[in-house]
Amino acid sequence: MIKYMDKIWRNHKMWVMAGAGAAMLVLFLVYWHVTAKERVEDRKKTEALFSEMSQEKDGSSSSEAESKVKDNREEEETVKPAQEVVVDLKGAVKIPGIYRVKDSDRVNDVIHQAGGLTGKADRDKVNFAQKVSDEMVIYVPEKGERDVPAVAGTSAGGAASSPASPESGQSKVNINTADEQEMQNLPGIGEVKAKTIIAYREEHGPFKTVDELTNVSGIGEKSLEKIKPMATVD
C-alpha cells in the first residue's frame, strides 16, 4: 500500500502540488475579499465619526462667533457717545445765557447749570423732564406772567412762547444785513444756521427775496413758513 501511494506521489506530484497551491490561492482570495469589505465598512464608520465631530466643532465655533458679534453690536448700540448741543436759557433763572450741554441732558440740568430758578419763577409752566436739543430756547416765565416775550426756537413744555411774530412788537430781521446774533432772532435759527445763512449770503450775494432762504442748507419749506413773518430783505 505504501509503495502504491509512493508511486502515485512520484507520478502525480506536480499535479498535487499545483492543486494544493490553487486551493491556498482560492482561500487567500476569499479571505482578502471578506476582510476588504470589513476594512471598507470600518473606514466609512471612521470617516462618518470624524465628519460628525468636525460639524459639531464648526457649528460650535460659528455659534460662538455669532454670539460675539451680537454682543459687540449690542454693546456698540448701548454705549453711544453723547453729542454736545447749544441751548439758550432765558427768563426767571439766576444766570441766563447760552449753555453747551449734552444731548442726553434735560431742561432741569440746564437750569441747574444756570444756578437754578429765581424766587419769581413759575415752576408749574416748566417741563423740567424735557430733553434738550440743539438751538433750543428755554424760557422760564415769572409767576403771574401772561404775555411771554416772543423768542425764537423750541419751547420747553410751555415755558417758552411760540415763534416770534411782527405783532409781538419785535422788528423784522433784514437777512441781507443782519449779523450772526441778529440772525438768531429768527424762529428756528440758532448759532449754526445763522452762520450758514451769512456764509451763503457772502458767497452768492444779497437775497432778492426771503423765499431764497430755502437755498441755504438746513432750511426747508416748513422752516421758511416760520421765518417769513419775521424776515425781510429791505
C-alpha atoms as a PDB file:
ATOM      1  CA  MET A   1       0.000   0.000   0.000  1.00  0.00           C
ATOM      2  CA  ILE A   2       2.796   2.308   0.906  1.00  0.00           C
ATOM      3  CA  LYS A   3       4.623   1.506  -2.294  1.00  0.00           C
ATOM      4  CA  TYR A   4       1.439   2.166  -4.266  1.00  0.00           C
ATOM      5  CA  MET A   5       0.969   5.572  -2.606  1.00  0.00           C
ATOM      6  CA  ASP A   6       4.609   6.438  -3.131  1.00  0.00           C
ATOM      7  CA  LYS A   7       4.278   5.576  -6.811  1.00  0.00           C
ATOM      8  CA  ILE A   8       1.212   7.759  -7.182  1.00  0.00           C
ATOM      9  CA  TRP A   9       3.046  10.605  -5.451  1.00  0.00           C
ATOM     10  CA  ARG A  10       6.007  10.337  -7.786  1.00  0.00           C
ATOM     11  CA  ASN A  11       3.821  10.152 -10.872  1.00  0.00           C
ATOM     12  CA  HIS A  12       1.359  12.911  -9.828  1.00  0.00           C
ATOM     13  CA  LYS A  13       3.482  15.091  -7.504  1.00  0.00           C
ATOM     14  CA  MET A  14       3.297  18.120  -9.730  1.00  0.00           C
ATOM     15  CA  TRP A  15      -0.474  17.931 -10.038  1.00  0.00           C
ATOM     16  CA  VAL A  16      -0.935  17.510  -6.319  1.00  0.00           C
ATOM     17  CA  MET A  17       1.283  20.477  -5.557  1.00  0.00           C
ATOM     18  CA  ALA A  18      -0.480  22.570  -8.189  1.00  0.00           C
ATOM     19  CA  GLY A  19      -3.880  21.638  -6.734  1.00  0.00           C
ATOM     20  CA  ALA A  20      -2.744  22.483  -3.221  1.00  0.00           C
ATOM     21  CA  GLY A  21      -1.369  25.817  -4.403  1.00  0.00           C
ATOM     22  CA  ALA A  22      -4.595  26.596  -6.230  1.00  0.00           C
ATOM     23  CA  ALA A  23      -6.609  25.752  -3.124  1.00  0.00           C
ATOM     24  CA  MET A  24      -4.441  28.015  -0.999  1.00  0.00           C
ATOM     25  CA  LEU A  25      -4.805  30.835  -3.534  1.00  0.00           C
ATOM     26  CA  VAL A  26      -8.570  30.473  -3.520  1.00  0.00           C
ATOM     27  CA  LEU A  27      -8.641  30.542   0.272  1.00  0.00           C
ATOM     28  CA  PHE A  28      -6.414  33.625   0.286  1.00  0.00           C
ATOM     29  CA  LEU A  29      -8.647  35.447  -2.218  1.00  0.00           C
ATOM     30  CA  VAL A  30     -11.772  34.576  -0.227  1.00  0.00           C
ATOM     31  CA  TYR A  31     -10.121  35.818   2.966  1.00  0.00           C
ATOM     32  CA  TRP A  32      -8.946  39.053   1.279  1.00  0.00           C
ATOM     33  CA  HIS A  33     -12.409  39.717  -0.150  1.00  0.00           C
ATOM     34  CA  VAL A  34     -14.124  39.241   3.225  1.00  0.00           C
ATOM     35  CA  THR A  35     -11.607  41.354   5.158  1.00  0.00           C
ATOM     36  CA  ALA A  36     -11.627  44.031   2.444  1.00  0.00           C
ATOM     37  CA  LYS A  37     -15.358  44.574   2.963  1.00  0.00           C
ATOM     38  CA  GLU A  38     -14.816  44.847   6.690  1.00  0.00           C
ATOM     39  CA  ARG A  39     -11.990  47.362   6.159  1.00  0.00           C
ATOM     40  CA  VAL A  40     -14.168  49.469   3.853  1.00  0.00           C
ATOM     41  CA  GLU A  41     -17.003  49.494   6.392  1.00  0.00           C
ATOM     42  CA  ASP A  42     -14.604  50.370   9.193  1.00  0.00           C
ATOM     43  CA  ARG A  43     -13.147  53.223   7.124  1.00  0.00           C
ATOM     44  CA  LYS A  44     -16.640  54.565   6.350  1.00  0.00           C
ATOM     45  CA  LYS A  45     -17.573  54.432  10.024  1.00  0.00           C
ATOM     46  CA  THR A  46     -14.353  56.256  10.953  1.00  0.00           C
ATOM     47  CA  GLU A  47     -14.889  58.939   8.285  1.00  0.00           C
ATOM     48  CA  ALA A  48     -18.504  59.435   9.386  1.00  0.00           C
ATOM     49  CA  LEU A  49     -17.385  59.808  13.012  1.00  0.00           C
ATOM     50  CA  PHE A  50     -14.747  62.403  12.129  1.00  0.00           C
ATOM     51  CA  SER A  51     -17.268  64.226   9.905  1.00  0.00           C
ATOM     52  CA  GLU A  52     -19.779  64.496  12.756  1.00  0.00           C
ATOM     53  CA  MET A  53     -17.090  65.705  15.134  1.00  0.00           C
ATOM     54  CA  SER A  54     -15.965  68.314  12.583  1.00  0.00           C
ATOM     55  CA  GLN A  55     -19.525  69.574  12.007  1.00  0.00           C
ATOM     56  CA  GLU A  56     -20.151  69.837  15.743  1.00  0.00           C
ATOM     57  CA  LYS A  57     -16.907  71.777  16.167  1.00  0.00           C
ATOM     58  CA  ASP A  58     -17.648  74.097  13.216  1.00  0.00           C
ATOM     59  CA  GLY A  59     -21.195  74.635  14.433  1.00  0.00           C
ATOM     60  CA  SER A  60     -19.963  75.437  17.911  1.00  0.00           C
ATOM     61  CA  SER A  61     -17.346  77.849  16.553  1.00  0.00           C
ATOM     62  CA  SER A  62     -19.931  79.510  14.313  1.00  0.00           C
ATOM     63  CA  SER A  63     -22.365  79.902  17.198  1.00  0.00           C
ATOM     64  CA  GLU A  64     -19.651  81.379  19.387  1.00  0.00           C
ATOM     65  CA  ALA A  65     -18.615  83.793  16.624  1.00  0.00           C
ATOM     66  CA  GLU A  66     -22.215  84.879  16.013  1.00  0.00           C
ATOM     67  CA  SER A  67     -22.718  85.331  19.742  1.00  0.00           C
ATOM     68  CA  LYS A  68     -19.611  87.525  19.982  1.00  0.00           C
ATOM     69  CA  VAL A  69     -20.698  89.648  17.012  1.00  0.00           C
ATOM     70  CA  LYS A  70     -24.163  90.069  18.524  1.00  0.00           C
ATOM     71  CA  ASP A  71     -22.697  91.047  21.898  1.00  0.00           C
ATOM     72  CA  ASN A  72     -20.392  93.586  20.220  1.00  0.00           C
ATOM     73  CA  ARG A  73     -23.303  95.093  18.290  1.00  0.00           C
ATOM     74  CA  GLU A  74     -25.427  95.350  21.422  1.00  0.00           C
ATOM     75  CA  GLU A  75     -22.519  96.959  23.255  1.00  0.00           C
ATOM     76  CA  GLU A  76     -21.982  99.470  20.440  1.00  0.00           C
ATOM     77  CA  GLU A  77     -25.685 100.310  20.376  1.00  0.00           C
ATOM     78  CA  THR A  78     -25.815 100.679  24.143  1.00  0.00           C
ATOM     79  CA  VAL A  79     -22.693 102.820  24.545  1.00  0.00           C
ATOM     80  CA  LYS A  80     -23.186 105.822  22.265  1.00  0.00           C
ATOM     81  CA  PRO A  81     -21.062 108.917  22.810  1.00  0.00           C
ATOM     82  CA  ALA A  82     -23.042 111.957  23.928  1.00  0.00           C
ATOM     83  CA  GLN A  83     -23.186 114.862  21.485  1.00  0.00           C
ATOM     84  CA  GLU A  84     -22.771 118.497  22.508  1.00  0.00           C
ATOM     85  CA  VAL A  85     -25.702 120.833  21.833  1.00  0.00           C
ATOM     86  CA  VAL A  86     -26.165 124.556  22.400  1.00  0.00           C
ATOM     87  CA  VAL A  87     -29.275 125.954  24.128  1.00  0.00           C
ATOM     88  CA  ASP A  88     -30.401 129.466  25.032  1.00  0.00           C
ATOM     89  CA  LEU A  89     -31.767 129.802  28.574  1.00  0.00           C
ATOM     90  CA  LYS A  90     -33.882 132.875  29.284  1.00  0.00           C
ATOM     91  CA  GLY A  91     -36.297 134.205  31.878  1.00  0.00           C
ATOM     92  CA  ALA A  92     -36.512 133.682  35.618  1.00  0.00           C
ATOM     93  CA  VAL A  93     -33.190 131.909  36.168  1.00  0.00           C
ATOM     94  CA  LYS A  94     -30.218 133.185  38.130  1.00  0.00           C
ATOM     95  CA  ILE A  95     -27.720 133.146  35.244  1.00  0.00           C
ATOM     96  CA  PRO A  96     -29.495 133.225  31.860  1.00  0.00           C
ATOM     97  CA  GLY A  97     -27.419 132.745  28.733  1.00  0.00           C
ATOM     98  CA  ILE A  98     -26.045 130.303  26.172  1.00  0.00           C
ATOM     99  CA  TYR A  99     -25.134 126.867  27.527  1.00  0.00           C
ATOM    100  CA  ARG A 100     -23.314 123.944  25.966  1.00  0.00           C
ATOM    101  CA  VAL A 101     -24.754 120.676  27.270  1.00  0.00           C
ATOM    102  CA  LYS A 102     -25.102 117.024  26.239  1.00  0.00           C
ATOM    103  CA  ASP A 103     -27.973 115.867  24.068  1.00  0.00           C
ATOM    104  CA  SER A 104     -28.903 113.437  26.851  1.00  0.00           C
ATOM    105  CA  ASP A 105     -29.437 116.283  29.355  1.00  0.00           C
ATOM    106  CA  ARG A 106     -32.818 117.586  30.459  1.00  0.00           C
ATOM    107  CA  VAL A 107     -34.171 121.110  30.934  1.00  0.00           C
ATOM    108  CA  ASN A 108     -33.593 120.641  34.644  1.00  0.00           C
ATOM    109  CA  ASP A 109     -29.859 120.059  34.021  1.00  0.00           C
ATOM    110  CA  VAL A 110     -29.543 123.335  32.106  1.00  0.00           C
ATOM    111  CA  ILE A 111     -31.370 125.275  34.808  1.00  0.00           C
ATOM    112  CA  HIS A 112     -29.080 123.693  37.407  1.00  0.00           C
ATOM    113  CA  GLN A 113     -26.027 124.936  35.472  1.00  0.00           C
ATOM    114  CA  ALA A 114     -27.574 128.394  35.472  1.00  0.00           C
ATOM    115  CA  GLY A 115     -27.684 128.432  39.248  1.00  0.00           C
ATOM    116  CA  GLY A 116     -31.318 127.429  39.489  1.00  0.00           C
ATOM    117  CA  LEU A 117     -34.577 129.364  39.334  1.00  0.00           C
ATOM    118  CA  THR A 118     -35.201 132.754  40.875  1.00  0.00           C
ATOM    119  CA  GLY A 119     -37.827 133.214  43.546  1.00  0.00           C
ATOM    120  CA  LYS A 120     -40.206 134.656  40.961  1.00  0.00           C
ATOM    121  CA  ALA A 121     -40.086 131.671  38.593  1.00  0.00           C
ATOM    122  CA  ASP A 122     -43.314 129.869  37.798  1.00  0.00           C
ATOM    123  CA  ARG A 123     -42.272 126.228  38.185  1.00  0.00           C
ATOM    124  CA  ASP A 124     -45.659 124.939  37.028  1.00  0.00           C
ATOM    125  CA  LYS A 125     -45.023 126.184  33.493  1.00  0.00           C
ATOM    126  CA  VAL A 126     -41.683 124.454  33.044  1.00  0.00           C
ATOM    127  CA  ASN A 127     -41.235 120.897  31.785  1.00  0.00           C
ATOM    128  CA  PHE A 128     -38.091 120.014  33.715  1.00  0.00           C
ATOM    129  CA  ALA A 129     -38.032 116.477  32.280  1.00  0.00           C
ATOM    130  CA  GLN A 130     -37.886 117.508  28.610  1.00  0.00           C
ATOM    131  CA  LYS A 131     -34.733 116.520  26.740  1.00  0.00           C
ATOM    132  CA  VAL A 132     -32.722 119.360  25.274  1.00  0.00           C
ATOM    133  CA  SER A 133     -31.953 119.748  21.560  1.00  0.00           C
ATOM    134  CA  ASP A 134     -29.547 121.850  19.549  1.00  0.00           C
ATOM    135  CA  GLU A 135     -30.587 125.526  19.103  1.00  0.00           C
ATOM    136  CA  MET A 136     -33.334 125.106  21.697  1.00  0.00           C
ATOM    137  CA  VAL A 137     -34.645 128.176  23.537  1.00  0.00           C
ATOM    138  CA  ILE A 138     -35.809 127.609  27.107  1.00  0.00           C
ATOM    139  CA  TYR A 139     -37.855 130.439  28.618  1.00  0.00           C
ATOM    140  CA  VAL A 140     -38.860 130.323  32.273  1.00  0.00           C
ATOM    141  CA  PRO A 141     -41.748 132.735  32.957  1.00  0.00           C
ATOM    142  CA  GLU A 142     -42.347 134.521  36.240  1.00  0.00           C
ATOM    143  CA  LYS A 143     -45.387 133.864  38.424  1.00  0.00           C
ATOM    144  CA  GLY A 144     -48.453 135.624  37.073  1.00  0.00           C
ATOM    145  CA  GLU A 145     -46.748 136.386  33.758  1.00  0.00           C
ATOM    146  CA  ARG A 146     -49.230 136.198  30.902  1.00  0.00           C
ATOM    147  CA  ASP A 147     -47.579 137.802  27.907  1.00  0.00           C
ATOM    148  CA  VAL A 148     -44.488 135.664  27.495  1.00  0.00           C
ATOM    149  CA  PRO A 149     -41.840 137.524  25.455  1.00  0.00           C
ATOM    150  CA  ALA A 150     -41.509 136.342  21.862  1.00  0.00           C
ATOM    151  CA  VAL A 151     -38.466 134.112  21.453  1.00  0.00           C
ATOM    152  CA  ALA A 152     -37.105 132.088  18.560  1.00  0.00           C
ATOM    153  CA  GLY A 153     -36.671 128.358  18.847  1.00  0.00           C
ATOM    154  CA  THR A 154     -38.202 125.457  20.680  1.00  0.00           C
ATOM    155  CA  SER A 155     -40.366 125.892  23.741  1.00  0.00           C
ATOM    156  CA  ALA A 156     -39.745 123.907  26.901  1.00  0.00           C
ATOM    157  CA  GLY A 157     -43.080 122.378  27.791  1.00  0.00           C
ATOM    158  CA  GLY A 158     -44.910 125.706  27.777  1.00  0.00           C
ATOM    159  CA  ALA A 159     -42.016 127.599  29.303  1.00  0.00           C
ATOM    160  CA  ALA A 160     -41.346 129.408  26.045  1.00  0.00           C
ATOM    161  CA  SER A 161     -43.693 131.158  23.683  1.00  0.00           C
ATOM    162  CA  SER A 162     -44.400 130.269  20.084  1.00  0.00           C
ATOM    163  CA  PRO A 163     -42.114 131.709  17.408  1.00  0.00           C
ATOM    164  CA  ALA A 164     -41.937 135.440  17.263  1.00  0.00           C
ATOM    165  CA  SER A 165     -44.264 137.414  15.027  1.00  0.00           C
ATOM    166  CA  PRO A 166     -44.450 141.006  13.841  1.00  0.00           C
ATOM    167  CA  GLU A 167     -47.492 141.593  16.050  1.00  0.00           C
ATOM    168  CA  SER A 168     -45.387 140.948  19.152  1.00  0.00           C
ATOM    169  CA  GLY A 169     -43.682 144.288  18.660  1.00  0.00           C
ATOM    170  CA  GLN A 170     -40.330 142.800  17.614  1.00  0.00           C
ATOM    171  CA  SER A 171     -38.867 144.352  14.444  1.00  0.00           C
ATOM    172  CA  LYS A 172     -38.190 142.236  11.392  1.00  0.00           C
ATOM    173  CA  VAL A 173     -34.711 140.883  10.687  1.00  0.00           C
ATOM    174  CA  ASN A 174     -33.063 142.017   7.454  1.00  0.00           C
ATOM    175  CA  ILE A 175     -31.364 138.832   6.275  1.00  0.00           C
ATOM    176  CA  ASN A 176     -29.111 140.862   3.955  1.00  0.00           C
ATOM    177  CA  THR A 177     -27.592 142.978   6.731  1.00  0.00           C
ATOM    178  CA  ALA A 178     -28.108 141.026   9.973  1.00  0.00           C
ATOM    179  CA  ASP A 179     -25.061 139.760  11.824  1.00  0.00           C
ATOM    180  CA  GLU A 180     -24.865 136.331  13.483  1.00  0.00           C
ATOM    181  CA  GLN A 181     -26.525 137.453  16.713  1.00  0.00           C
ATOM    182  CA  GLU A 182     -29.351 139.315  14.968  1.00  0.00           C
ATOM    183  CA  MET A 183     -29.969 136.385  12.645  1.00  0.00           C
ATOM    184  CA  GLN A 184     -30.683 134.191  15.677  1.00  0.00           C
ATOM    185  CA  ASN A 185     -33.790 136.295  16.394  1.00  0.00           C
ATOM    186  CA  LEU A 186     -35.483 134.476  13.523  1.00  0.00           C
ATOM    187  CA  PRO A 187     -37.678 131.495  14.525  1.00  0.00           C
ATOM    188  CA  GLY A 188     -35.752 128.226  14.454  1.00  0.00           C
ATOM    189  CA  ILE A 189     -32.414 129.887  13.661  1.00  0.00           C
ATOM    190  CA  GLY A 190     -29.614 129.128  16.084  1.00  0.00           C
ATOM    191  CA  GLU A 191     -25.905 129.782  16.006  1.00  0.00           C
ATOM    192  CA  VAL A 192     -25.112 127.132  13.379  1.00  0.00           C
ATOM    193  CA  LYS A 193     -27.858 128.086  10.928  1.00  0.00           C
ATOM    194  CA  ALA A 194     -27.111 131.797  11.388  1.00  0.00           C
ATOM    195  CA  LYS A 195     -23.512 131.182  10.294  1.00  0.00           C
ATOM    196  CA  THR A 196     -24.725 129.101   7.347  1.00  0.00           C
ATOM    197  CA  ILE A 197     -27.074 131.872   6.139  1.00  0.00           C
ATOM    198  CA  ILE A 198     -24.359 134.521   6.385  1.00  0.00           C
ATOM    199  CA  ALA A 199     -21.855 132.265   4.572  1.00  0.00           C
ATOM    200  CA  TYR A 200     -24.363 131.701   1.762  1.00  0.00           C
ATOM    201  CA  ARG A 201     -25.045 135.461   1.541  1.00  0.00           C
ATOM    202  CA  GLU A 202     -21.337 136.262   1.327  1.00  0.00           C
ATOM    203  CA  GLU A 203     -20.815 133.662  -1.403  1.00  0.00           C
ATOM    204  CA  HIS A 204     -23.880 134.349  -3.558  1.00  0.00           C
ATOM    205  CA  GLY A 205     -24.658 137.972  -2.784  1.00  0.00           C
ATOM    206  CA  PRO A 206     -27.727 139.566  -1.140  1.00  0.00           C
ATOM    207  CA  PHE A 207     -31.023 137.723  -1.053  1.00  0.00           C
ATOM    208  CA  LYS A 208     -33.588 139.058  -3.523  1.00  0.00           C
ATOM    209  CA  THR A 209     -36.494 137.510  -1.624  1.00  0.00           C
ATOM    210  CA  VAL A 210     -36.967 135.779   1.719  1.00  0.00           C
ATOM    211  CA  ASP A 211     -38.022 132.652  -0.178  1.00  0.00           C
ATOM    212  CA  GLU A 212     -34.400 132.227  -1.327  1.00  0.00           C
ATOM    213  CA  LEU A 213     -33.555 131.062   2.190  1.00  0.00           C
ATOM    214  CA  THR A 214     -34.595 127.567   1.066  1.00  0.00           C
ATOM    215  CA  ASN A 215     -31.381 127.553  -0.993  1.00  0.00           C
ATOM    216  CA  VAL A 216     -29.469 127.538   2.293  1.00  0.00           C
ATOM    217  CA  SER A 217     -28.550 124.095   3.609  1.00  0.00           C
ATOM    218  CA  GLY A 218     -30.794 123.053   6.503  1.00  0.00           C
ATOM    219  CA  ILE A 219     -33.706 125.385   5.707  1.00  0.00           C
ATOM    220  CA  GLY A 220     -36.771 123.805   4.107  1.00  0.00           C
ATOM    221  CA  GLU A 221     -40.305 124.928   3.333  1.00  0.00           C
ATOM    222  CA  LYS A 222     -41.545 124.337   6.890  1.00  0.00           C
ATOM    223  CA  SER A 223     -38.715 126.400   8.360  1.00  0.00           C
ATOM    224  CA  LEU A 224     -39.358 129.130   5.805  1.00  0.00           C
ATOM    225  CA  GLU A 225     -43.015 129.377   6.851  1.00  0.00           C
ATOM    226  CA  LYS A 226     -41.912 130.213  10.416  1.00  0.00           C
ATOM    227  CA  ILE A 227     -39.195 132.604   9.297  1.00  0.00           C
ATOM    228  CA  LYS A 228     -41.074 134.659   6.675  1.00  0.00           C
ATOM    229  CA  PRO A 229     -43.246 136.719   9.069  1.00  0.00           C
ATOM    230  CA  MET A 230     -40.103 137.914  10.867  1.00  0.00           C
ATOM    231  CA  ALA A 231     -37.688 138.286   7.929  1.00  0.00           C
ATOM    232  CA  THR A 232     -37.187 140.942   5.272  1.00  0.00           C
ATOM    233  CA  VAL A 233     -34.719 141.806   2.516  1.00  0.00           C
ATOM    234  CA  ASP A 234     -35.442 145.571   2.560  1.00  0.00           C
END
